Amino acid sequence: MNRRDTLKIMGAGLAATLMAGIAPRTHAAILKDRANGKKRLVFYFTATGNSLFIAKQFSDNPLSIPQELKKDELVYEADEIGFVFPDYVASAPMIVREFVTKGTFKAPYIFSVITYGNASVSVAEWWNDFAKEQGVVNNYVQTILMVDVYLPVFDMNEQMAIDKNIDENLAMILEDIGAQKNFVAPTDMGFFTEERLKNMRDHHFSMTADRLLELRKDRCAECLTCADVCPRDNFSLGEDGLQYAGQCEFCLACVHHCPHKALTLKSAREGWPGERNPEARFRNPNISLREIIRSNKQTNKTV
């Protein structure tokens, strides 16, 4: 049996595990057994649960980057350290960059898994170079295709209908990291150019909440779910109802998790809709809203 056939069987096993209601961390337990008691730390950033789902395959207790950033000391040492986060315009979210820049990470084996939804382009090599500049040397950087949650371009109903071979691809990554493989996914620019990526990044990473979001007041119940899932603490209640302002991560957690679909996106160009389908939202089916809140909430209220 060749490697691809073996991975298909492993992927099918993962799917069966999920359908049976067995926790995905079963696979993390297998990897821990292979590690023979080695200490592994896995850090993640998530908005809709895709990256948290992946992180849970490698650790029973993955650590939220927004929550870790609240600590005074960011010094970590283990036998293996992993980072899991979404691809933002062939680069890393600002909050992930901030964490790696501020933190100190010591491990003989460091791996990164980057979730993406359409084209990974140069994200693996970009992250490898950026992390190295911060003193973090990756042994392994791989991408994994999942539901693309970028609402300005994609309809979530269409995205969820696409088979992205997540199980098979995840099985390959699990095997690679279990064997401590050294690898960095190569760049495939496709129809992108560096100039186009720069323009897209300039738009994405300069975003503010008030420029991005539009509130349908007739739908807003002032439940503050948006505040609970925001890693930048951009939401509050004022005399005029829901208020939002501040530097935005552009993760869209607030929009995806609003139970009444009260938040939508402003149009970037006059006469164009702000998003493909304002009535379609997404959360990874293996991740609960409570887990997203625990990952991102910035206030001290217990959840």
Protein backbone atom coordinates (compact mmCIF):
# COMPACT_ATOMS: atom_id res chain seq x y z
CA MET A 1 0.00 0.00 0.00
CA ASN A 2 1.46 3.40 -0.97
CA ARG A 3 1.58 6.48 1.26
CA ARG A 4 -1.37 8.22 -0.39
CA ASP A 5 -3.63 5.19 0.08
CA THR A 6 -2.53 4.94 3.69
CA LEU A 7 -3.33 8.62 4.25
CA LYS A 8 -6.76 8.19 2.71
CA ILE A 9 -7.47 5.42 5.21
CA MET A 10 -6.19 7.61 8.06
CA GLY A 11 -8.38 10.47 6.83
CA ALA A 12 -11.41 8.20 6.64
CA GLY A 13 -10.68 7.10 10.18
CA LEU A 14 -10.61 10.71 11.33
CA ALA A 15 -13.97 11.38 9.66
CA ALA A 16 -15.46 8.28 11.29
CA THR A 17 -14.13 9.41 14.65
CA LEU A 18 -15.84 12.79 14.30
CA MET A 19 -19.13 11.25 13.14
CA ALA A 20 -19.07 8.91 16.12
CA GLY A 21 -18.78 11.86 18.44
CA ILE A 22 -15.31 10.92 19.71
CA ALA A 23 -13.22 13.96 20.61
CA PRO A 24 -10.70 14.95 17.90
CA ARG A 25 -8.01 15.03 20.58
CA THR A 26 -7.79 11.24 20.19
CA HIS A 27 -5.21 12.05 17.51
CA ALA A 28 -3.32 14.34 19.87
CA ALA A 29 -3.13 11.43 22.29
CA ILE A 30 -1.59 9.26 19.57
CA LEU A 31 1.01 11.91 18.83
CA LYS A 32 1.79 12.27 22.52
CA ASP A 33 2.38 8.53 22.74
CA ARG A 34 4.81 8.79 19.84
CA ALA A 35 6.59 11.63 21.62
CA ASN A 36 7.38 9.33 24.58
CA GLY A 37 6.47 11.85 27.24
CA LYS A 38 7.93 14.88 25.51
CA LYS A 39 6.43 18.26 26.38
CA ARG A 40 4.58 19.94 23.53
CA LEU A 41 3.15 23.47 23.59
CA VAL A 42 0.72 24.49 20.84
CA PHE A 43 -0.36 28.12 20.39
CA TYR A 44 -3.28 29.12 18.19
CA PHE A 45 -5.37 32.01 16.96
CA THR A 46 -8.89 31.36 15.72
CA ALA A 47 -11.94 33.34 14.62
CA THR A 48 -14.39 30.74 13.36
CA GLY A 49 -12.83 27.60 14.83
CA ASN A 50 -10.87 26.20 11.89
CA SER A 51 -7.47 26.81 13.46
CA LEU A 52 -8.64 25.73 16.91
CA PHE A 53 -9.89 22.46 15.45
CA ILE A 54 -6.47 21.85 13.90
CA ALA A 55 -4.64 22.88 17.09
CA LYS A 56 -6.66 20.35 19.08
CA GLN A 57 -5.24 17.57 16.93
CA PHE A 58 -1.79 18.30 18.35
CA SER A 59 -2.55 19.08 21.98
CA ASP A 60 -5.16 18.33 24.63
CA ASN A 61 -4.74 21.89 25.85
CA PRO A 62 -3.75 24.28 23.05
CA LEU A 63 -3.01 27.82 24.23
CA SER A 64 -4.88 30.84 22.86
CA ILE A 65 -2.57 33.56 21.59
CA PRO A 66 -4.95 36.42 22.57
CA GLN A 67 -5.10 35.03 26.12
CA GLU A 68 -1.36 34.41 26.34
CA LEU A 69 -0.72 38.03 25.35
CA LYS A 70 -2.36 39.13 28.60
CA LYS A 71 0.57 37.67 30.56
CA ASP A 72 3.51 39.78 31.73
CA GLU A 73 6.08 37.14 30.79
CA LEU A 74 6.03 35.32 27.48
CA VAL A 75 8.82 32.78 27.83
CA TYR A 76 8.16 29.22 26.70
CA GLU A 77 10.34 26.12 26.64
CA ALA A 78 9.35 22.61 25.58
CA ASP A 79 10.48 19.64 23.52
CA GLU A 80 8.12 20.71 20.73
CA ILE A 81 6.39 24.02 20.08
CA GLY A 82 3.65 24.52 17.50
CA PHE A 83 1.78 27.49 16.03
CA VAL A 84 -1.61 27.20 14.31
CA PHE A 85 -3.32 30.20 12.74
CA PRO A 86 -5.16 31.38 9.60
CA ASP A 87 -3.52 32.81 6.51
CA TYR A 88 -4.24 36.53 6.11
CA VAL A 89 -3.21 37.72 2.65
CA ALA A 90 -0.27 35.29 2.41
CA SER A 91 0.97 36.36 5.83
CA ALA A 92 0.10 36.04 9.52
CA PRO A 93 -2.57 37.92 11.51
CA MET A 94 -1.20 40.93 13.38
CA ILE A 95 -1.97 39.34 16.74
CA VAL A 96 0.16 36.31 15.83
CA ARG A 97 3.01 38.54 14.69
CA GLU A 98 2.78 40.47 17.96
CA PHE A 99 2.93 37.27 20.01
CA VAL A 100 5.96 35.86 18.23
CA THR A 101 7.73 39.23 18.37
CA LYS A 102 7.17 39.65 22.11
CA GLY A 103 7.68 36.02 23.13
CA THR A 104 10.68 33.78 23.62
CA PHE A 105 10.30 30.22 22.34
CA LYS A 106 12.82 27.44 22.96
CA ALA A 107 12.36 23.95 21.54
CA PRO A 108 14.42 21.48 19.48
CA TYR A 109 11.44 21.06 17.12
CA ILE A 110 9.11 23.89 16.10
CA PHE A 111 6.23 23.45 13.68
CA SER A 112 3.52 25.66 12.20
CA VAL A 113 0.25 24.75 10.51
CA ILE A 114 -1.50 27.54 8.62
CA THR A 115 -5.16 27.23 7.64
CA TYR A 116 -6.30 28.83 4.38
CA GLY A 117 -9.40 28.77 2.23
CA ASN A 118 -8.54 29.54 -1.37
CA ALA A 119 -4.85 29.98 -2.25
CA SER A 120 -1.95 29.70 0.19
CA VAL A 121 0.37 31.54 -2.25
CA SER A 122 3.59 32.34 -0.33
CA VAL A 123 2.32 32.20 3.25
CA ALA A 124 4.52 29.29 4.41
CA GLU A 125 7.75 30.87 3.23
CA TRP A 126 6.60 34.32 4.40
CA TRP A 127 5.94 32.96 7.90
CA ASN A 128 9.17 30.99 7.96
CA ASP A 129 11.14 34.15 7.14
CA PHE A 130 9.19 36.39 9.53
CA ALA A 131 9.46 33.96 12.45
CA LYS A 132 13.20 33.54 11.83
CA GLU A 133 13.63 37.31 12.07
CA GLN A 134 12.05 37.09 15.54
CA GLY A 135 14.39 34.29 16.58
CA VAL A 136 11.91 31.46 15.99
CA VAL A 137 13.29 28.83 13.61
CA ASN A 138 10.62 26.54 12.19
CA ASN A 139 11.47 22.96 11.36
CA TYR A 140 8.13 22.41 9.65
CA VAL A 141 5.61 24.78 8.04
CA GLN A 142 2.60 23.36 6.23
CA THR A 143 -0.74 24.74 5.06
CA ILE A 144 -4.15 23.07 5.11
CA LEU A 145 -7.15 23.94 2.95
CA MET A 146 -10.39 24.57 4.86
CA VAL A 147 -13.59 26.61 4.54
CA ASP A 148 -12.72 30.15 3.42
CA VAL A 149 -14.46 32.51 5.84
CA TYR A 150 -13.55 35.74 4.03
CA LEU A 151 -17.03 37.18 3.60
CA PRO A 152 -16.22 39.97 1.10
CA VAL A 153 -15.40 37.31 -1.50
CA PHE A 154 -16.97 33.99 -0.49
CA ASP A 155 -20.52 32.76 0.15
CA MET A 156 -20.41 30.48 3.18
CA ASN A 157 -23.11 28.20 1.79
CA GLU A 158 -21.01 27.60 -1.31
CA GLN A 159 -17.85 27.10 0.72
CA MET A 160 -19.42 24.53 3.03
CA ALA A 161 -20.59 22.52 0.03
CA ILE A 162 -17.02 22.02 -1.24
CA ASP A 163 -15.09 18.89 -0.27
CA LYS A 164 -11.66 20.23 0.64
CA ASN A 165 -10.14 16.86 1.60
CA ILE A 166 -9.46 18.10 5.12
CA ASP A 167 -9.28 14.62 6.65
CA GLU A 168 -6.70 13.31 4.18
CA ASN A 169 -4.55 16.44 4.36
CA LEU A 170 -4.73 16.53 8.14
CA ALA A 171 -3.67 12.89 8.32
CA MET A 172 -0.56 13.73 6.27
CA ILE A 173 0.36 16.62 8.57
CA LEU A 174 -0.21 14.50 11.67
CA GLU A 175 2.13 11.87 10.26
CA ASP A 176 4.78 14.44 9.30
CA ILE A 177 4.86 16.14 12.68
CA GLY A 178 4.67 12.84 14.53
CA ALA A 179 7.87 11.90 12.67
CA GLN A 180 9.39 15.37 13.26
CA LYS A 181 9.76 15.94 9.54
CA ASN A 182 11.65 19.00 8.30
CA PHE A 183 9.71 20.80 5.57
CA VAL A 184 8.48 24.23 4.46
CA ALA A 185 5.64 24.31 1.92
CA PRO A 186 6.82 25.93 -1.32
CA THR A 187 5.39 29.11 -2.79
CA ASP A 188 2.83 28.98 -5.59
CA MET A 189 2.01 32.55 -6.61
CA GLY A 190 -0.63 31.58 -9.18
CA PHE A 191 -2.11 34.79 -10.58
CA PHE A 192 -0.89 36.84 -7.60
CA THR A 193 2.02 39.27 -7.80
CA GLU A 194 4.03 40.81 -4.97
CA GLU A 195 2.58 44.22 -5.85
CA ARG A 196 -0.97 42.90 -5.64
CA LEU A 197 -0.26 41.21 -2.30
CA LYS A 198 1.22 44.44 -0.94
CA ASN A 199 -1.88 46.41 -1.93
CA MET A 200 -4.15 43.79 -0.37
CA ARG A 201 -2.11 43.75 2.85
CA ASP A 202 -2.14 47.54 3.08
CA HIS A 203 -5.94 47.43 2.97
CA HIS A 204 -6.33 44.45 5.29
CA PHE A 205 -3.92 45.36 8.07
CA SER A 206 -4.92 49.03 8.32
CA MET A 207 -8.57 48.17 8.97
CA THR A 208 -10.55 49.67 11.85
CA ALA A 209 -13.81 48.34 13.24
CA ASP A 210 -15.82 51.44 12.31
CA ARG A 211 -14.59 51.31 8.70
CA LEU A 212 -15.29 47.60 8.34
CA LEU A 213 -18.62 47.02 10.03
CA GLU A 214 -22.22 48.05 9.49
CA LEU A 215 -24.89 47.39 12.12
CA ARG A 216 -28.44 46.40 11.24
CA LYS A 217 -29.96 47.95 14.35
CA ASP A 218 -33.33 46.30 13.87
CA ARG A 219 -31.61 42.93 14.38
CA CYS A 220 -29.25 43.77 17.23
CA ALA A 221 -30.32 42.32 20.60
CA GLU A 222 -27.34 43.91 22.42
CA CYS A 223 -26.27 40.45 23.58
CA LEU A 224 -22.59 41.42 23.13
CA THR A 225 -21.60 38.12 21.57
CA CYS A 226 -19.52 40.30 19.25
CA ALA A 227 -17.62 41.65 22.26
CA ASP A 228 -17.13 38.15 23.64
CA VAL A 229 -15.42 36.86 20.48
CA CYS A 230 -13.38 39.96 19.60
CA PRO A 231 -9.65 39.54 20.28
CA ARG A 232 -9.14 43.31 20.18
CA ASP A 233 -11.90 44.35 22.62
CA ASN A 234 -13.51 46.68 20.06
CA PHE A 235 -17.15 46.46 21.21
CA SER A 236 -19.17 48.07 24.00
CA LEU A 237 -22.69 49.25 24.78
CA GLY A 238 -23.39 52.98 24.87
CA GLU A 239 -26.43 55.22 25.10
CA ASP A 240 -27.08 54.66 21.40
CA GLY A 241 -26.68 50.90 21.59
CA LEU A 242 -23.78 48.85 20.27
CA GLN A 243 -20.56 50.78 19.74
CA TYR A 244 -17.44 49.60 17.93
CA ALA A 245 -14.11 51.25 17.19
CA GLY A 246 -10.40 50.52 17.30
CA GLN A 247 -7.74 48.69 15.33
CA CYS A 248 -9.41 45.65 13.79
CA GLU A 249 -7.85 42.23 13.33
CA PHE A 250 -10.19 41.72 10.32
CA CYS A 251 -10.81 38.19 11.60
CA LEU A 252 -14.61 38.56 11.16
CA ALA A 253 -15.36 36.62 14.35
CA CYS A 254 -17.91 39.27 15.35
CA VAL A 255 -19.78 38.95 12.07
CA HIS A 256 -19.76 35.16 11.88
CA HIS A 257 -20.91 34.58 15.46
CA CYS A 258 -23.63 37.22 15.82
CA PRO A 259 -26.72 35.09 16.53
CA HIS A 260 -29.02 37.53 14.72
CA LYS A 261 -26.74 38.39 11.77
CA ALA A 262 -26.95 42.00 12.88
CA LEU A 263 -23.38 42.77 11.82
CA THR A 264 -22.47 42.94 8.17
CA LEU A 265 -19.64 44.48 6.16
CA LYS A 266 -19.54 47.92 4.61
CA SER A 267 -18.98 48.06 0.90
CA ALA A 268 -15.45 48.91 -0.17
CA ARG A 269 -16.79 50.45 -3.40
CA GLU A 270 -19.98 52.36 -4.07
CA GLY A 271 -22.60 50.21 -5.74
CA TRP A 272 -20.95 46.96 -4.65
CA PRO A 273 -22.17 44.75 -1.79
CA GLY A 274 -19.93 44.47 1.27
CA GLU A 275 -20.15 40.69 1.24
CA ARG A 276 -21.35 37.86 -0.95
CA ASN A 277 -24.15 36.56 1.29
CA PRO A 278 -25.08 38.49 4.45
CA GLU A 279 -27.39 35.66 5.54
CA ALA A 280 -24.72 32.93 5.53
CA ARG A 281 -22.25 32.52 8.39
CA PHE A 282 -19.81 29.81 9.50
CA ARG A 283 -18.37 28.20 12.59
CA ASN A 284 -16.37 24.99 12.42
CA PRO A 285 -18.87 22.26 13.36
CA ASN A 286 -16.40 20.66 15.77
CA ILE A 287 -15.94 23.86 17.79
CA SER A 288 -18.47 25.50 20.11
CA LEU A 289 -19.18 29.20 20.49
CA ARG A 290 -18.04 28.91 24.11
CA GLU A 291 -14.62 27.72 22.90
CA ILE A 292 -14.33 30.74 20.59
CA ILE A 293 -15.24 33.05 23.47
CA ARG A 294 -12.69 31.44 25.77
CA SER A 295 -10.09 31.85 23.06
CA ASN A 296 -10.65 35.54 22.33
CA LYS A 297 -12.59 37.32 25.08
CA GLN A 298 -10.64 40.24 26.51
CA THR A 299 -12.66 41.18 29.61
CA ASN A 300 -12.35 39.37 32.94
CA LYS A 301 -15.93 38.11 33.07
CA THR A 302 -16.02 34.31 33.42
CA VAL A 303 -17.41 32.36 30.45
